[in-house]
Structure formats: C-alpha cells, structure tokens
Amino acid sequence: MAKPKIEYQCKACGAITFQWAGQCGECKAWNTLEEIKRIKTGPRQRSQGLVTNSEVIRLSEVSAKQAPRIQTTIGELDRVLGGGLVQGSVVLIGGDPGIGKSTLLLQTLAKLSDKMNCLYVTGEESLQQVSLRAGRLQLDVPDLQMVTETCVERIIEIAAKSAPKVIVIDSIQTMYTEELGSMPGSVAQVRETAAQLLRYAKQTDTTLLLVGHVTKEGVLAGPRVLEHMVDTVLYFEGDSGERYRLIRAVKNRFGAVNELGVFAMLEHGLKPVSNPSAIFLSRHEEPVPGSIIGVSREGTRPMLIEVQALVDETHLSNPRRVTLGLEQNRLALLLAVMHRHAGLTLHDQDVFVNIVGGIKVTETAADLAVMLAILSSFRNRPLSHDLIAFGEIGLAGEIRPVPNGQERLQEAAKHGFKTAIIPAANRPKSNHIEGMKIVPIQWVKNVLDLC
C-alpha cells in the first residue's frame, strides 16, 4: 500500500501547504491549518469516469438551444430554480437544521419518481427513518431508489449501474473519498467529493441535488469553492419554528438571482404559497402608528411587505438602533438623511424596525416605507390602511426611482390599495392606475407633509 502524503489545508480558504504553521499564509487566519493524508492513486483509479470531448471549437459552432427543463410540479421550487431542474445541473441547498431541506427533496423525488428514475442517497439517516418520513408525509413512492452510503466512489458505481436522471445527496458533509485520509466534513473531503459528483453529473447529464450544512453564522459550511463549483445555490430563510419557510436563490446559472419561493410547513410537508403578498400583511382592524405596506421585488415578481417601526424615548446614553429583516447600516443612513434634510432629530430616541413575516429585504426600494413608518411612530399618527409606498432615499435628500415601478403599482392595486406614495420619476406615463391615487414626491422634506 502506498504511503500517504501529509499536507496541511486551511479550513477558511482551502490553501494547501506542506508544513504546519499557526497562521495561514494566504488568508492570514490563525489556527485554521489541519492535517490531511492524501493517498496516491494508481493509474486504474485515475482513469475512472467518462472521457469528455476536449477538442477546441469556435463559439459560433456551439449549439445555443435552450437547456431542457425537468418540471418538479412544485410551483414555488420551479420558480426559484428558474423554471425547473436543468439536466446536468448541480443544485446546492443549505439551511438550518430541521427547517425542511430533506422534506422538500423527498417531496420532489416523490413527484419525479413516477416519470423517471431517481436515486436518494442518505448519509445521515437510515432507510427506515426516510421511510417513516415518507409515511408521515403521506407520500406514495414505490419506485424511488434509495441507498445508505457515504463513500463517493461507491455512490458513483451505483449510479452508473442504475443510471438515474436525478440524484439527491443528503448531505455533502457526510461524504468522503478514499483518496484522502481526512475525516468526512473537512475542507478537503467536501471539496474533493463535490468535485467527483459534479464531474459525474456533467458527463452523464444527471441532475444532482446536494444538501449542505450551515454554520452558526448562517453560511454554508465547508470551503467557499463549493458554492463556485455548483450551478445553483439555494438558501432556506426563516426560523424552523415558524410556519412559513422561504427559499432564496443566491446563485443561479439558469435563472434569476434572488428569486424567492414561499412555503408553508403543514402536517403533511411543505406546501407552496402561490400568493405570498397576502400572508405578510397583518391587516389591522384599524390603522396603527408605525405600520405601512411597502412593495419589494423578489426575483421576478413584486411582493407586498409590512414595515413596522417603533420610536421611543431612550434612557441610555447611546440610543438603540435595532432592525429585523433590514440592514442596520441602512437604518442609520435613513436617520441621518431625515435629520439633515428634514430637520427631524431622533438622537434621544430608540428606533426599532421590523419586516413582518421574517422576510429579509435587501433592495433599497423599502427606504421610503421605512422612513414613513418611523415618522408615523414618532408623531403617533397612524397611516391609512390602504396606503402603500416604495422608493429609494438618496444622501442628497432626493427620492430616487426604483426598477419596475409599474409592476409594483399593479400588484398593490390587485390587493385593494387605494393610494401610493412613489418617487416622481416612477409616475406612470398615463398618470393613472385603475382604482389608485398616485402621490409622487421628489424630496425627503416633502415626506413630512404626508404624516
């Protein structure tokens, strides 16, 4: 047997060195080098796998036909993926423990196993546990192939014999390759096992779905190169104790980035929510101070969100600035603009901002709604329950336009809203949306007259 070669790899950046050191020479992180034993492979092992065509051709000679899609018939999942699964694509799904990753993939394979050959590889649970989950979800999957295996070479051998069209690996952190002597879940193992599975998927046009663990910071565990290797990266958002679960595409080579899918966790699994705008609105019986509806755009569709703000006198030397679902630096910026250009002083007030429903707003179109909610709470004046607002706030005190303003207005009108406060540059060309009054504003100082 060949003597293993000892190397040291950084857990943070994946850099390899042949001598241990307290600090990584590449990323300068401390105490991140771990020992790995790389076993030299023989010629037979290195030649395993299919041979691809490596000839050089011109770009004009490459076929530009649309990649064929596999419809999962789960509407929200197909939306996040960009229209369905692409043959030969690799999808990485991450999320907190217990949030529904395995449940969603089992439901997906239950839909697909009637039409094609599918393989579910579990490295964390026994086949009995997966069978019990399928029974609890009332899934009829008599033709679904399953195997409990963690060796990636063995998995590829099994897949080569059964030739499935879709493979689920649950999870990539439990897999290992015989070429490395390190423990499963280490940086080297995750990178090498993912590379072998990705190579097999591309060579055989097999759709591969990988489940990935996340760290306590909420990012995928393992080397960052793992996200670069795959075609699509999906993240579960929200709390595992909440009823509604959100799936966001942060990378997608075959569809829109930041597309959002909404699911409800019910007794029999995850159910797609076709109209997410309705579930994020509280619909108070009477208007309350500090609450307003904004229109955010997630991926390819507009979505109504409720923005709540609470402004209260502080008893601390440094007032608190707390945000849930919104970047905290964005709140600090808005408060500075309100003070400089509108004369509203909140240096002696605690300010709390919350996006209802656990959704995270990343675009700047929510600025105007946040500012109106803060102003409403500070003055203790409720805003109309049929009012919506969207717009970006600039540092010069201007209300800047946002993309797809017409679609946002139409979505609000569809849900019965009668008044819209929008940037002047987003005013419709016809200056009319059926059943809705448009209030265009251009400067932050004009916002004070609205509340």
Protein backbone atom coordinates (compact mmCIF):
# COMPACT_ATOMS: atom_id res chain seq x y z
CA MET A 1 0.00 0.00 0.00
CA ALA A 2 1.31 3.45 -0.93
CA LYS A 3 2.44 5.67 1.90
CA PRO A 4 0.02 8.58 2.44
CA LYS A 5 1.30 12.06 1.68
CA ILE A 6 0.79 14.51 4.54
CA GLU A 7 -0.40 18.02 3.71
CA TYR A 8 -1.94 20.88 5.68
CA GLN A 9 -5.02 22.67 4.42
CA CYS A 10 -6.63 25.90 5.65
CA LYS A 11 -10.22 25.46 6.79
CA ALA A 12 -11.02 29.06 5.88
CA CYS A 13 -9.68 29.45 2.34
CA GLY A 14 -8.62 25.92 1.33
CA ALA A 15 -4.95 26.80 0.72
CA ILE A 16 -2.54 23.85 0.90
CA THR A 17 0.94 23.86 2.45
CA PHE A 18 3.41 21.10 3.25
CA GLN A 19 4.40 22.46 6.66
CA TRP A 20 2.18 23.36 9.59
CA ALA A 21 2.09 26.98 10.77
CA GLY A 22 -0.02 28.91 13.24
CA GLN A 23 -1.19 31.35 10.57
CA CYS A 24 -2.35 30.65 7.02
CA GLY A 25 -0.02 32.30 4.51
CA GLU A 26 -2.88 33.04 2.07
CA CYS A 27 -5.81 34.41 4.10
CA LYS A 28 -3.82 35.23 7.28
CA ALA A 29 -6.32 33.36 9.50
CA TRP A 30 -4.98 31.88 12.73
CA ASN A 31 -5.18 28.20 13.80
CA THR A 32 -7.00 27.09 10.64
CA LEU A 33 -4.47 24.59 9.20
CA GLU A 34 -5.47 20.97 9.58
CA GLU A 35 -3.56 17.84 8.63
CA ILE A 36 -4.79 15.73 5.72
CA LYS A 37 -3.37 12.50 4.36
CA ARG A 38 -3.58 12.18 0.59
CA ILE A 39 -3.25 8.62 -0.67
CA LYS A 40 -1.62 8.31 -4.07
CA THR A 41 -3.93 6.65 -6.57
CA GLY A 42 -2.87 4.18 -9.22
CA PRO A 43 -3.38 4.55 -12.95
CA ARG A 44 -6.57 2.46 -12.85
CA GLN A 45 -8.20 4.69 -10.24
CA ARG A 46 -7.25 7.91 -12.01
CA SER A 47 -8.75 6.70 -15.29
CA GLN A 48 -12.18 6.03 -13.82
CA GLY A 49 -15.00 8.13 -15.25
CA LEU A 50 -16.15 9.11 -18.70
CA VAL A 51 -13.91 10.79 -21.23
CA THR A 52 -15.18 14.14 -22.47
CA ASN A 53 -14.56 15.77 -25.81
CA SER A 54 -11.67 18.22 -25.33
CA GLU A 55 -11.40 19.48 -28.90
CA VAL A 56 -11.22 23.24 -29.46
CA ILE A 57 -14.22 24.64 -31.40
CA ARG A 58 -15.45 28.11 -32.27
CA LEU A 59 -18.18 29.76 -30.21
CA SER A 60 -20.34 30.14 -33.33
CA GLU A 61 -20.32 26.35 -33.73
CA VAL A 62 -21.74 25.73 -30.26
CA SER A 63 -25.45 24.92 -30.18
CA ALA A 64 -27.35 27.68 -28.36
CA LYS A 65 -30.55 25.72 -27.82
CA GLN A 66 -32.40 26.16 -24.54
CA ALA A 67 -31.39 23.69 -21.82
CA PRO A 68 -34.18 21.12 -21.28
CA ARG A 69 -36.04 21.53 -18.01
CA ILE A 70 -37.45 18.95 -15.62
CA GLN A 71 -40.66 20.25 -14.04
CA THR A 72 -40.97 19.25 -10.37
CA THR A 73 -44.67 20.32 -10.35
CA ILE A 74 -43.90 22.17 -7.08
CA GLY A 75 -44.63 25.71 -8.28
CA GLU A 76 -42.51 27.72 -5.85
CA LEU A 77 -39.49 25.42 -6.25
CA ASP A 78 -39.71 25.62 -10.04
CA ARG A 79 -39.87 29.42 -9.75
CA VAL A 80 -36.72 29.61 -7.61
CA LEU A 81 -34.88 27.26 -9.98
CA GLY A 82 -35.82 29.42 -12.96
CA GLY A 83 -38.46 27.14 -14.47
CA GLY A 84 -37.45 23.69 -13.26
CA LEU A 85 -34.40 21.47 -12.94
CA VAL A 86 -31.87 21.56 -15.78
CA GLN A 87 -30.36 18.30 -16.97
CA GLY A 88 -26.75 18.01 -15.87
CA SER A 89 -27.05 20.85 -13.33
CA VAL A 90 -25.85 20.73 -9.73
CA VAL A 91 -28.03 22.41 -7.08
CA LEU A 92 -26.80 23.08 -3.53
CA ILE A 93 -29.46 23.59 -0.85
CA GLY A 94 -28.49 24.95 2.58
CA GLY A 95 -30.41 25.84 5.70
CA ASP A 96 -30.66 25.47 9.46
CA PRO A 97 -31.25 22.01 10.97
CA GLY A 98 -34.91 20.98 10.90
CA ILE A 99 -36.02 23.71 8.51
CA GLY A 100 -37.21 21.26 5.84
CA LYS A 101 -34.36 20.53 3.40
CA SER A 102 -34.77 16.75 3.42
CA THR A 103 -38.56 17.06 3.48
CA LEU A 104 -38.62 19.23 0.37
CA LEU A 105 -36.25 16.97 -1.55
CA LEU A 106 -38.20 13.85 -0.61
CA GLN A 107 -41.39 15.51 -1.81
CA THR A 108 -39.63 16.50 -5.04
CA LEU A 109 -38.44 12.96 -5.74
CA ALA A 110 -41.93 11.66 -4.94
CA LYS A 111 -43.22 13.83 -7.80
CA LEU A 112 -40.42 12.87 -10.21
CA SER A 113 -40.11 9.13 -9.49
CA ASP A 114 -43.32 8.42 -11.40
CA LYS A 115 -41.82 9.87 -14.59
CA MET A 116 -38.12 8.99 -14.36
CA ASN A 117 -35.50 7.02 -12.49
CA CYS A 118 -34.45 8.80 -9.26
CA LEU A 119 -31.91 7.93 -6.57
CA TYR A 120 -31.93 9.18 -2.95
CA VAL A 121 -28.55 8.80 -1.20
CA THR A 122 -28.72 9.32 2.55
CA GLY A 123 -25.60 9.59 4.65
CA GLU A 124 -27.21 10.92 7.83
CA GLU A 125 -30.32 8.78 8.25
CA SER A 126 -31.14 5.11 7.89
CA LEU A 127 -33.51 3.86 5.21
CA GLN A 128 -36.08 3.16 7.94
CA GLN A 129 -36.01 6.80 9.05
CA VAL A 130 -36.52 8.02 5.48
CA SER A 131 -39.36 5.53 5.03
CA LEU A 132 -41.02 6.76 8.22
CA ARG A 133 -40.78 10.36 6.99
CA ALA A 134 -42.34 9.39 3.67
CA GLY A 135 -45.20 7.71 5.54
CA ARG A 136 -45.68 10.75 7.79
CA LEU A 137 -45.83 12.99 4.71
CA GLN A 138 -48.25 10.53 3.05
CA LEU A 139 -46.01 10.17 0.00
CA ASP A 140 -46.52 7.29 -2.40
CA VAL A 141 -43.00 6.46 -3.64
CA PRO A 142 -42.91 2.76 -4.55
CA ASP A 143 -40.42 3.29 -7.42
CA LEU A 144 -37.95 5.57 -5.63
CA GLN A 145 -34.49 4.01 -5.37
CA MET A 146 -32.67 4.57 -2.07
CA VAL A 147 -29.27 3.73 -0.68
CA THR A 148 -27.35 4.46 2.52
CA GLU A 149 -23.77 5.21 1.52
CA THR A 150 -21.08 7.79 2.31
CA CYS A 151 -18.23 6.71 0.00
CA VAL A 152 -18.39 8.82 -3.13
CA GLU A 153 -16.65 6.20 -5.30
CA ARG A 154 -19.25 3.62 -4.30
CA ILE A 155 -22.08 6.09 -4.97
CA ILE A 156 -20.79 6.75 -8.49
CA GLU A 157 -20.58 3.00 -9.14
CA ILE A 158 -24.18 2.54 -8.01
CA ALA A 159 -25.34 5.47 -10.12
CA ALA A 160 -23.50 4.14 -13.17
CA LYS A 161 -25.41 0.84 -12.90
CA SER A 162 -28.90 2.24 -12.18
CA ALA A 163 -28.50 5.36 -14.43
CA PRO A 164 -30.84 7.72 -12.51
CA LYS A 165 -31.86 11.05 -14.03
CA VAL A 166 -31.98 12.81 -10.64
CA ILE A 167 -29.74 12.12 -7.62
CA VAL A 168 -30.12 13.59 -4.13
CA ILE A 169 -27.09 13.58 -1.79
CA ASP A 170 -28.10 14.14 1.84
CA SER A 171 -25.69 15.57 2.83
CA ILE A 172 -22.39 16.50 1.18
CA GLN A 173 -20.71 16.91 4.60
CA THR A 174 -21.14 13.18 5.33
CA MET A 175 -19.44 12.05 2.11
CA TYR A 176 -15.79 11.01 1.83
CA THR A 177 -13.39 9.85 -0.85
CA GLU A 178 -10.88 7.04 -0.44
CA GLU A 179 -8.18 9.23 -1.98
CA LEU A 180 -7.98 11.35 1.19
CA GLY A 181 -7.29 10.27 4.74
CA SER A 182 -9.02 13.20 6.46
CA MET A 183 -12.37 12.98 8.25
CA PRO A 184 -15.70 13.44 6.40
CA GLY A 185 -16.85 17.05 6.56
CA SER A 186 -13.34 18.50 6.42
CA VAL A 187 -12.46 21.12 3.83
CA ALA A 188 -10.54 18.68 1.66
CA GLN A 189 -13.23 15.99 1.76
CA VAL A 190 -16.08 18.36 0.94
CA ARG A 191 -14.17 19.83 -1.99
CA GLU A 192 -13.00 16.53 -3.46
CA THR A 193 -16.29 14.65 -3.05
CA ALA A 194 -18.25 17.53 -4.55
CA ALA A 195 -15.81 17.70 -7.47
CA GLN A 196 -16.22 13.99 -8.24
CA LEU A 197 -20.00 14.13 -8.04
CA LEU A 198 -20.11 17.28 -10.18
CA ARG A 199 -17.88 15.65 -12.79
CA TYR A 200 -20.19 12.62 -12.96
CA ALA A 201 -23.29 14.82 -13.24
CA LYS A 202 -21.85 16.86 -16.13
CA GLN A 203 -20.62 13.81 -18.03
CA THR A 204 -23.90 11.89 -17.78
CA ASP A 205 -26.44 14.79 -17.87
CA THR A 206 -27.67 13.78 -14.43
CA THR A 207 -29.36 16.38 -12.24
CA LEU A 208 -27.65 16.45 -8.83
CA LEU A 209 -29.19 17.93 -5.67
CA LEU A 210 -26.80 18.41 -2.73
CA VAL A 211 -27.82 19.17 0.84
CA GLY A 212 -25.32 21.37 2.67
CA HIS A 213 -24.93 22.15 6.36
CA VAL A 214 -24.71 25.75 7.52
CA THR A 215 -22.58 27.32 10.22
CA LYS A 216 -23.91 29.31 13.17
CA GLU A 217 -23.42 32.46 11.06
CA GLY A 218 -25.91 31.04 8.54
CA VAL A 219 -23.48 30.39 5.66
CA LEU A 220 -22.75 27.06 4.05
CA ALA A 221 -20.15 25.04 5.92
CA GLY A 222 -17.01 23.95 4.10
CA PRO A 223 -14.81 25.70 1.54
CA ARG A 224 -16.20 28.69 -0.33
CA VAL A 225 -15.16 26.99 -3.55
CA LEU A 226 -18.13 24.64 -3.09
CA GLU A 227 -20.55 27.44 -3.99
CA HIS A 228 -18.43 28.37 -7.01
CA MET A 229 -18.46 24.81 -8.33
CA VAL A 230 -22.22 24.25 -8.37
CA ASP A 231 -24.72 25.81 -10.79
CA THR A 232 -27.36 26.91 -8.29
CA VAL A 233 -27.23 27.77 -4.58
CA LEU A 234 -30.48 27.88 -2.61
CA TYR A 235 -30.83 29.04 0.99
CA PHE A 236 -33.69 28.36 3.38
CA GLU A 237 -34.59 31.54 5.28
CA GLY A 238 -36.64 31.94 8.42
CA ASP A 239 -36.84 30.08 11.69
CA SER A 240 -37.50 26.34 11.88
CA GLY A 241 -40.20 27.14 14.45
CA GLU A 242 -42.07 29.43 12.07
CA ARG A 243 -44.89 28.18 9.87
CA TYR A 244 -43.65 29.82 6.69
CA ARG A 245 -40.33 28.92 5.10
CA LEU A 246 -38.58 30.98 2.41
CA ILE A 247 -36.15 29.67 -0.20
CA ARG A 248 -33.92 32.22 -1.90
CA ALA A 249 -31.65 31.63 -4.90
CA VAL A 250 -28.35 33.43 -4.26
CA LYS A 251 -26.73 31.94 -7.36
CA ASN A 252 -28.37 30.54 -10.47
CA ARG A 253 -26.74 29.97 -13.83
CA PHE A 254 -30.11 29.08 -15.38
CA GLY A 255 -32.44 31.67 -13.86
CA ALA A 256 -32.88 34.88 -11.89
CA VAL A 257 -30.76 35.53 -8.81
CA ASN A 258 -32.54 36.45 -5.55
CA GLU A 259 -35.72 34.72 -6.71
CA LEU A 260 -37.84 33.82 -3.68
CA GLY A 261 -40.08 30.81 -3.06
CA VAL A 262 -42.53 30.72 -0.16
CA PHE A 263 -43.69 27.52 1.52
CA ALA A 264 -45.94 26.74 4.46
CA MET A 265 -44.90 23.87 6.74
CA LEU A 266 -48.02 21.81 7.33
CA GLU A 267 -48.69 18.40 8.84
CA HIS A 268 -48.01 16.66 5.54
CA GLY A 269 -44.92 18.60 4.47
CA LEU A 270 -44.12 21.83 2.69
CA LYS A 271 -46.95 23.38 0.67
CA PRO A 272 -46.20 26.13 -1.90
CA VAL A 273 -47.78 29.54 -1.22
CA SER A 274 -48.86 30.95 -4.56
CA ASN A 275 -49.80 34.42 -3.22
CA PRO A 276 -47.11 35.36 -0.68
CA SER A 277 -48.16 39.03 -0.54
CA ALA A 278 -51.31 38.09 1.38
CA ILE A 279 -49.52 36.19 4.18
CA PHE A 280 -47.10 39.01 5.06
CA LEU A 281 -49.83 41.58 5.65
CA SER A 282 -51.29 41.88 9.17
CA ARG A 283 -54.49 43.69 8.11
CA HIS A 284 -55.14 45.53 11.38
CA GLU A 285 -58.78 46.21 12.19
CA GLU A 286 -57.93 49.90 12.43
CA PRO A 287 -54.84 51.91 11.40
CA VAL A 288 -52.00 51.86 13.95
CA PRO A 289 -48.98 54.19 14.21
CA GLY A 290 -45.68 52.95 12.84
CA SER A 291 -47.08 50.48 10.28
CA ILE A 292 -47.12 50.79 6.49
CA ILE A 293 -47.15 48.47 3.49
CA GLY A 294 -44.19 48.56 1.11
CA VAL A 295 -43.66 46.85 -2.24
CA SER A 296 -40.47 44.85 -2.56
CA ARG A 297 -39.33 42.99 -5.63
CA GLU A 298 -38.01 39.49 -5.05
CA GLY A 299 -36.53 38.00 -8.19
CA THR A 300 -39.07 38.35 -10.99
CA ARG A 301 -42.18 39.30 -9.02
CA PRO A 302 -43.26 42.17 -6.76
CA MET A 303 -44.34 41.31 -3.23
CA LEU A 304 -46.15 43.33 -0.58
CA ILE A 305 -44.46 43.53 2.81
CA GLU A 306 -45.44 45.19 6.07
CA VAL A 307 -42.87 47.53 7.59
CA GLN A 308 -43.25 48.28 11.30
CA ALA A 309 -41.33 50.89 13.28
CA LEU A 310 -41.29 51.82 16.95
CA VAL A 311 -39.72 55.09 18.10
CA ASP A 312 -39.49 55.54 21.86
CA GLU A 313 -37.60 57.83 24.23
CA THR A 314 -34.31 56.31 25.26
CA HIS A 315 -32.96 56.03 28.81
CA LEU A 316 -29.45 55.14 27.66
CA SER A 317 -26.52 57.33 26.74
CA ASN A 318 -26.44 55.74 23.27
CA PRO A 319 -29.88 55.22 21.70
CA ARG A 320 -30.59 51.79 20.28
CA ARG A 321 -30.95 51.09 16.57
CA VAL A 322 -32.42 47.61 16.05
CA THR A 323 -33.53 46.08 12.74
CA LEU A 324 -35.10 42.72 11.86
CA GLY A 325 -35.17 41.87 8.16
CA LEU A 326 -33.36 45.10 7.20
CA GLU A 327 -29.68 46.01 7.16
CA GLN A 328 -28.84 48.03 10.26
CA ASN A 329 -26.47 50.36 8.39
CA ARG A 330 -29.36 51.25 6.09
CA LEU A 331 -31.41 52.41 9.08
CA ALA A 332 -28.53 54.59 10.31
CA LEU A 333 -28.27 56.15 6.84
CA LEU A 334 -32.01 56.93 6.70
CA LEU A 335 -31.98 58.53 10.15
CA ALA A 336 -29.05 60.74 9.13
CA VAL A 337 -30.87 61.87 5.97
CA MET A 338 -34.04 62.60 7.97
CA HIS A 339 -32.05 64.77 10.35
CA ARG A 340 -30.02 66.61 7.72
CA HIS A 341 -32.70 67.24 5.07
CA ALA A 342 -35.97 67.12 7.03
CA GLY A 343 -34.87 68.54 10.40
CA LEU A 344 -36.18 65.51 12.30
CA THR A 345 -33.96 64.86 15.34
CA LEU A 346 -34.02 61.33 16.81
CA HIS A 347 -30.74 61.36 18.75
CA ASP A 348 -32.65 60.88 22.02
CA GLN A 349 -34.96 58.14 20.68
CA ASP A 350 -34.64 54.37 20.38
CA VAL A 351 -35.62 53.21 16.89
CA PHE A 352 -36.77 49.65 16.14
CA VAL A 353 -37.67 48.48 12.62
CA ASN A 354 -39.18 45.09 11.74
CA ILE A 355 -40.16 43.47 8.44
CA VAL A 356 -43.19 41.32 9.29
CA GLY A 357 -43.08 37.62 8.50
CA GLY A 358 -39.35 37.02 8.86
CA ILE A 359 -38.55 38.10 5.31
CA LYS A 360 -35.24 39.84 4.61
CA VAL A 361 -35.33 42.94 2.41
CA THR A 362 -32.11 43.53 0.51
CA GLU A 363 -33.17 46.16 -2.05
CA THR A 364 -33.31 49.91 -1.41
CA ALA A 365 -36.92 50.29 -2.58
CA ALA A 366 -38.06 49.85 1.04
CA ASP A 367 -36.36 53.12 2.14
CA LEU A 368 -39.43 55.32 1.73
CA ALA A 369 -41.70 52.86 3.55
CA VAL A 370 -39.23 52.64 6.45
CA MET A 371 -38.99 56.44 6.68
CA LEU A 372 -42.79 56.83 6.72
CA ALA A 373 -43.14 54.12 9.39
CA ILE A 374 -40.55 55.87 11.60
CA LEU A 375 -42.24 59.24 11.12
CA SER A 376 -45.67 57.75 11.89
CA SER A 377 -44.46 56.16 15.11
CA PHE A 378 -42.54 59.27 16.23
CA ARG A 379 -45.56 61.53 15.74
CA ASN A 380 -48.01 58.82 16.90
CA ARG A 381 -50.12 59.36 13.79
CA PRO A 382 -51.43 56.23 12.05
CA LEU A 383 -51.22 56.00 8.29
CA SER A 384 -54.14 54.94 6.14
CA HIS A 385 -54.63 51.18 5.93
CA ASP A 386 -54.99 51.36 2.12
CA LEU A 387 -51.67 53.22 1.62
CA ILE A 388 -48.50 51.74 0.08
CA ALA A 389 -45.09 53.31 -0.52
CA PHE A 390 -41.82 52.48 -2.22
CA GLY A 391 -38.75 54.44 -3.26
CA GLU A 392 -35.03 54.81 -2.63
CA ILE A 393 -33.65 57.61 -0.43
CA GLY A 394 -30.50 59.37 -1.62
CA LEU A 395 -27.93 61.09 0.58
CA ALA A 396 -28.78 64.43 -1.02
CA GLY A 397 -32.34 64.12 0.25
CA GLU A 398 -33.88 63.11 -3.08
CA ILE A 399 -36.39 60.28 -3.61
CA ARG A 400 -34.83 58.13 -6.30
CA PRO A 401 -36.78 55.87 -8.68
CA VAL A 402 -36.71 52.08 -8.40
CA PRO A 403 -36.95 49.44 -11.16
CA ASN A 404 -40.31 48.01 -12.29
CA GLY A 405 -42.43 50.69 -10.65
CA GLN A 406 -45.44 49.92 -12.86
CA GLU A 407 -45.47 46.26 -11.80
CA ARG A 408 -45.29 47.24 -8.12
CA LEU A 409 -48.29 49.54 -8.50
CA GLN A 410 -50.30 46.86 -10.28
CA GLU A 411 -49.54 44.34 -7.54
CA ALA A 412 -50.73 46.81 -4.88
CA ALA A 413 -53.88 47.64 -6.84
CA LYS A 414 -54.65 43.93 -7.17
CA HIS A 415 -54.76 43.68 -3.35
CA GLY A 416 -57.10 46.64 -2.96
CA PHE A 417 -54.76 49.50 -2.04
CA LYS A 418 -56.08 52.93 -3.00
CA THR A 419 -53.13 55.32 -2.51
CA ALA A 420 -49.47 55.00 -3.48
CA ILE A 421 -46.60 57.29 -2.42
CA ILE A 422 -43.87 56.83 -5.01
CA PRO A 423 -40.86 58.66 -6.46
CA ALA A 424 -41.78 61.30 -9.01
CA ALA A 425 -39.70 59.52 -11.67
CA ASN A 426 -41.77 56.35 -11.19
CA ARG A 427 -45.04 58.11 -12.04
CA PRO A 428 -46.89 56.06 -14.70
CA LYS A 429 -46.92 57.58 -18.17
CA SER A 430 -50.69 57.63 -18.14
CA ASN A 431 -50.55 59.01 -14.57
CA HIS A 432 -53.35 56.60 -13.77
CA ILE A 433 -53.68 53.14 -12.25
CA GLU A 434 -57.29 51.97 -12.11
CA GLY A 435 -58.69 52.47 -8.62
CA MET A 436 -55.49 54.01 -7.21
CA LYS A 437 -54.41 57.57 -6.38
CA ILE A 438 -50.75 58.26 -7.18
CA VAL A 439 -48.83 60.67 -4.91
CA PRO A 440 -45.41 61.41 -6.49
CA ILE A 441 -42.75 63.06 -4.31
CA GLN A 442 -39.22 64.17 -5.12
CA TRP A 443 -37.59 65.30 -1.86
CA VAL A 444 -37.37 63.95 1.68
CA LYS A 445 -38.66 67.23 3.11
CA ASN A 446 -41.96 66.59 1.31
CA VAL A 447 -42.41 63.38 3.32
CA LEU A 448 -43.06 65.41 6.49
CA ASP A 449 -46.26 66.77 4.96
CA LEU A 450 -47.64 63.25 4.41
CA CYS A 451 -47.81 62.24 8.05
